[in-house]
Amino acid sequence: MSKVKVSNTGKIDFVQAETLPRSIKKFRQSPEIEAFYRFVYENDLQEEAYEVIAAIIQQRKLSPKKK
């Protein structure tokens, strides 16, 4: 069973878990994250995914920290 479905219009649907994982290890193993990794790998989007994550990290470094 595939956890990622891509329609002809390009919309991506993920199978969602019932509850949110409480630990980082369980978060990484959650169906949504696993499906995202699989989607990136199967569609050869590793470079694009890295660029997006790098941009997010850079933006967070530049923004002031909230308490």
Protein backbone atom coordinates (compact mmCIF):
# COMPACT_ATOMS: atom_id res chain seq x y z
CA MET A 1 0.00 0.00 0.00
CA SER A 2 1.38 3.38 -0.98
CA LYS A 3 1.24 6.14 1.61
CA VAL A 4 1.69 8.89 -0.97
CA LYS A 5 -0.82 9.56 -3.72
CA VAL A 6 -0.23 12.08 -6.51
CA SER A 7 -3.22 13.08 -8.63
CA ASN A 8 -3.10 14.13 -12.28
CA THR A 9 -3.37 17.77 -11.14
CA GLY A 10 -0.22 17.43 -9.05
CA LYS A 11 -1.95 17.42 -5.66
CA ILE A 12 -0.15 15.26 -3.09
CA ASP A 13 -2.17 13.32 -0.51
CA PHE A 14 -0.52 11.66 2.49
CA VAL A 15 -2.00 9.02 4.76
CA GLN A 16 -2.17 10.70 8.18
CA ALA A 17 -1.60 9.10 11.55
CA GLU A 18 -4.24 9.25 14.26
CA THR A 19 -2.01 10.88 16.89
CA LEU A 20 1.09 13.06 16.92
CA PRO A 21 4.33 11.36 17.98
CA ARG A 22 5.77 12.61 21.27
CA SER A 23 9.46 11.83 20.73
CA ILE A 24 11.75 12.91 17.90
CA LYS A 25 12.53 9.26 17.07
CA LYS A 26 8.84 8.43 16.73
CA PHE A 27 8.28 11.64 14.76
CA ARG A 28 10.89 10.55 12.21
CA GLN A 29 9.16 7.17 11.95
CA SER A 30 5.67 8.62 11.61
CA PRO A 31 3.74 7.73 8.42
CA GLU A 32 3.67 11.34 7.23
CA ILE A 33 7.44 11.83 7.48
CA GLU A 34 8.16 8.40 6.04
CA ALA A 35 5.85 9.19 3.10
CA PHE A 36 7.56 12.55 2.60
CA TYR A 37 11.02 10.94 2.52
CA ARG A 38 9.76 8.28 0.10
CA PHE A 39 8.18 10.94 -2.14
CA VAL A 40 11.40 12.98 -2.25
CA TYR A 41 13.50 9.90 -3.01
CA GLU A 42 11.18 8.36 -5.62
CA ASN A 43 10.88 11.67 -7.49
CA ASP A 44 14.60 12.45 -7.31
CA LEU A 45 14.02 15.68 -5.37
CA GLN A 46 16.89 15.39 -2.90
CA GLU A 47 18.62 18.60 -4.06
CA GLU A 48 15.39 20.60 -4.00
CA ALA A 49 14.46 19.26 -0.57
CA TYR A 50 17.93 20.18 0.74
CA GLU A 51 17.62 23.71 -0.66
CA VAL A 52 14.23 24.19 1.02
CA ILE A 53 15.49 22.91 4.37
CA ALA A 54 18.66 25.02 4.12
CA ALA A 55 16.55 28.13 3.41
CA ILE A 56 14.31 27.40 6.41
CA ILE A 57 17.35 26.94 8.68
CA GLN A 58 18.91 30.17 7.42
CA GLN A 59 15.67 32.08 7.98
CA ARG A 60 15.38 30.74 11.53
CA LYS A 61 18.95 31.77 12.30
CA LEU A 62 18.22 35.33 11.18
CA SER A 63 14.90 35.73 12.98
CA PRO A 64 14.90 36.88 16.61
CA LYS A 65 14.25 34.17 19.17
CA LYS A 66 10.91 34.30 21.01
CA LYS A 67 10.53 33.27 24.62
